[in-house]
C-alpha atoms as a PDB file:
ATOM      1  CA  MET A   1      -5.146  18.773   9.602  1.00  0.00           C
ATOM      2  CA  ALA A   2      -5.425  17.020   6.259  1.00  0.00           C
ATOM      3  CA  LEU A   3      -8.144  18.035   3.845  1.00  0.00           C
ATOM      4  CA  GLU A   4     -10.584  15.521   2.437  1.00  0.00           C
ATOM      5  CA  SER A   5      -9.366  16.354  -1.070  1.00  0.00           C
ATOM      6  CA  GLU A   6      -5.825  15.239  -0.203  1.00  0.00           C
ATOM      7  CA  LYS A   7      -4.991  11.741  -1.355  1.00  0.00           C
ATOM      8  CA  VAL A   8      -2.135   9.358  -0.721  1.00  0.00           C
ATOM      9  CA  MET A   9      -1.222   7.075  -3.623  1.00  0.00           C
ATOM     10  CA  PHE A  10       0.014   3.635  -2.582  1.00  0.00           C
ATOM     11  CA  GLU A  11       0.903   0.243  -3.983  1.00  0.00           C
ATOM     12  CA  ILE A  12       1.053  -3.159  -2.333  1.00  0.00           C
ATOM     13  CA  TYR A  13       3.583  -5.365  -4.078  1.00  0.00           C
ATOM     14  CA  ARG A  14       5.337  -8.645  -3.522  1.00  0.00           C
ATOM     15  CA  GLU A  15       9.114  -8.602  -3.454  1.00  0.00           C
ATOM     16  CA  SER A  16      10.764 -10.653  -6.151  1.00  0.00           C
ATOM     17  CA  THR A  17      13.310 -12.037  -3.683  1.00  0.00           C
ATOM     18  CA  TYR A  18      13.376 -15.551  -2.272  1.00  0.00           C
ATOM     19  CA  GLN A  19      11.196 -14.568   0.690  1.00  0.00           C
ATOM     20  CA  GLY A  20       8.611 -12.843  -1.490  1.00  0.00           C
ATOM     21  CA  ARG A  21       7.284 -10.624   1.295  1.00  0.00           C
ATOM     22  CA  TYR A  22       4.446  -8.221   0.655  1.00  0.00           C
ATOM     23  CA  LYS A  23       5.341  -4.550   1.077  1.00  0.00           C
ATOM     24  CA  VAL A  24       3.659  -1.198   0.627  1.00  0.00           C
ATOM     25  CA  VAL A  25       4.987   2.042  -0.781  1.00  0.00           C
ATOM     26  CA  TYR A  26       3.211   5.381  -0.314  1.00  0.00           C
ATOM     27  CA  PHE A  27       4.301   7.203  -3.455  1.00  0.00           C
ATOM     28  CA  THR A  28       2.969  10.641  -2.593  1.00  0.00           C
ATOM     29  CA  GLU A  29       4.831  10.643   0.732  1.00  0.00           C
ATOM     30  CA  LEU A  30       8.268   9.830  -0.639  1.00  0.00           C
ATOM     31  CA  GLN A  31      11.018  12.372  -0.094  1.00  0.00           C
ATOM     32  CA  ASP A  32      13.705  13.278  -2.602  1.00  0.00           C
ATOM     33  CA  HIS A  33      16.344  11.241  -0.777  1.00  0.00           C
ATOM     34  CA  ASN A  34      14.409   7.946  -0.982  1.00  0.00           C
ATOM     35  CA  ARG A  35      12.065   8.412  -3.944  1.00  0.00           C
ATOM     36  CA  GLU A  36      14.121   6.651  -6.609  1.00  0.00           C
ATOM     37  CA  TYR A  37      15.125   3.745  -4.338  1.00  0.00           C
ATOM     38  CA  GLU A  38      11.576   3.017  -3.152  1.00  0.00           C
ATOM     39  CA  ILE A  39      10.069   3.298  -6.621  1.00  0.00           C
ATOM     40  CA  ASN A  40      12.712   0.965  -8.042  1.00  0.00           C
ATOM     41  CA  ARG A  41      12.018  -1.567  -5.277  1.00  0.00           C
ATOM     42  CA  ALA A  42       8.297  -1.507  -6.016  1.00  0.00           C
ATOM     43  CA  MET A  43       8.870  -1.753  -9.779  1.00  0.00           C
ATOM     44  CA  ALA A  44      11.146  -4.785  -9.293  1.00  0.00           C
ATOM     45  CA  GLY A  45       8.406  -6.565  -7.334  1.00  0.00           C
ATOM     46  CA  ASP A  46       5.107  -8.054  -8.463  1.00  0.00           C
ATOM     47  CA  HIS A  47       2.190  -5.630  -8.376  1.00  0.00           C
ATOM     48  CA  PHE A  48      -0.656  -6.802  -6.134  1.00  0.00           C
ATOM     49  CA  PHE A  49      -2.932  -3.836  -5.366  1.00  0.00           C
ATOM     50  CA  ASP A  50      -2.869  -0.053  -5.633  1.00  0.00           C
ATOM     51  CA  GLY A  51      -5.081   2.879  -4.951  1.00  0.00           C
ATOM     52  CA  PHE A  52      -5.561   6.168  -3.183  1.00  0.00           C
ATOM     53  CA  ILE A  53      -6.424   6.627   0.480  1.00  0.00           C
ATOM     54  CA  ARG A  54      -8.059   9.715   1.880  1.00  0.00           C
ATOM     55  CA  GLY A  55      -5.574  12.079   3.475  1.00  0.00           C
ATOM     56  CA  PHE A  56      -7.814  12.907   6.418  1.00  0.00           C
ATOM     57  CA  ARG A  57      -7.953   9.223   7.528  1.00  0.00           C
ATOM     58  CA  LYS A  58      -4.536   8.122   6.371  1.00  0.00           C
ATOM     59  CA  ASP A  59      -3.313   6.957   9.781  1.00  0.00           C
ATOM     60  CA  GLU A  60      -6.280   4.609  10.131  1.00  0.00           C
ATOM     61  CA  ALA A  61      -5.856   3.476   6.533  1.00  0.00           C
ATOM     62  CA  LYS A  62      -2.159   2.743   7.051  1.00  0.00           C
ATOM     63  CA  LYS A  63      -3.009   0.580  10.072  1.00  0.00           C
ATOM     64  CA  ALA A  64      -5.529  -1.336   7.965  1.00  0.00           C
ATOM     65  CA  ILE A  65      -2.960  -1.765   5.179  1.00  0.00           C
ATOM     66  CA  ASP A  66      -0.381  -2.991   7.704  1.00  0.00           C
ATOM     67  CA  GLU A  67      -2.895  -5.566   8.959  1.00  0.00           C
ATOM     68  CA  VAL A  68      -3.490  -6.757   5.387  1.00  0.00           C
ATOM     69  CA  LEU A  69       0.282  -7.065   4.874  1.00  0.00           C
ATOM     70  CA  GLN A  70       0.642  -9.072   8.077  1.00  0.00           C
ATOM     71  CA  ARG A  71      -2.080 -11.449   6.937  1.00  0.00           C
ATOM     72  CA  LEU A  72      -0.566 -11.849   3.470  1.00  0.00           C
ATOM     73  CA  ASN A  73       2.930 -12.390   4.872  1.00  0.00           C
ATOM     74  CA  ALA A  74       1.551 -14.964   7.316  1.00  0.00           C
ATOM     75  CA  GLY A  75       0.398 -16.974   4.313  1.00  0.00           C
ATOM     76  CA  GLU A  76      -3.282 -16.061   4.214  1.00  0.00           C
ATOM     77  CA  SER A  77      -4.679 -16.325   0.715  1.00  0.00           C
ATOM     78  CA  MET A  78      -6.202 -13.018  -0.374  1.00  0.00           C
ATOM     79  CA  ALA A  79      -7.105 -11.765  -3.823  1.00  0.00           C
ATOM     80  CA  PRO A  80      -6.859  -8.080  -4.747  1.00  0.00           C
ATOM     81  CA  ALA A  81     -10.679  -7.935  -4.530  1.00  0.00           C
ATOM     82  CA  ASP A  82     -10.435  -9.085  -0.896  1.00  0.00           C
ATOM     83  CA  VAL A  83      -7.967  -6.295  -0.160  1.00  0.00           C
ATOM     84  CA  GLN A  84     -10.261  -3.770  -1.803  1.00  0.00           C
ATOM     85  CA  GLN A  85     -13.107  -4.981   0.397  1.00  0.00           C
ATOM     86  CA  GLU A  86     -10.923  -4.674   3.519  1.00  0.00           C
ATOM     87  CA  LEU A  87      -9.862  -1.125   2.650  1.00  0.00           C
ATOM     88  CA  GLN A  88     -13.095   0.102   1.077  1.00  0.00           C
ATOM     89  CA  THR A  89     -13.858   2.691   3.774  1.00  0.00           C
ATOM     90  CA  PHE A  90     -10.458   4.341   3.235  1.00  0.00           C
ATOM     91  CA  LEU A  91     -10.184   4.252  -0.555  1.00  0.00           C
ATOM     92  CA  THR A  92     -10.988   7.136  -2.834  1.00  0.00           C
ATOM     93  CA  SER A  93     -10.778   7.596  -6.588  1.00  0.00           C
END
């Protein structure tokens, strides 16, 4: 069971490729074998939103983030403030 004090750092970014799909990377969950690759992918993209989600509700938060990504990739116009509003119940400082 995750403690409330545990946090997962994430970033939503837009790929710099032709398709320009929105992706998420959960930095604090990266393993040694994929850490450098995933960080480089995120750094090559355009930053959109980042934050910390509570560890004890991370599965729910990841579902909410996936829904945001689906909406963005479907062409829905959302500002970072809209994403913050959508994820507010899961975000921590």
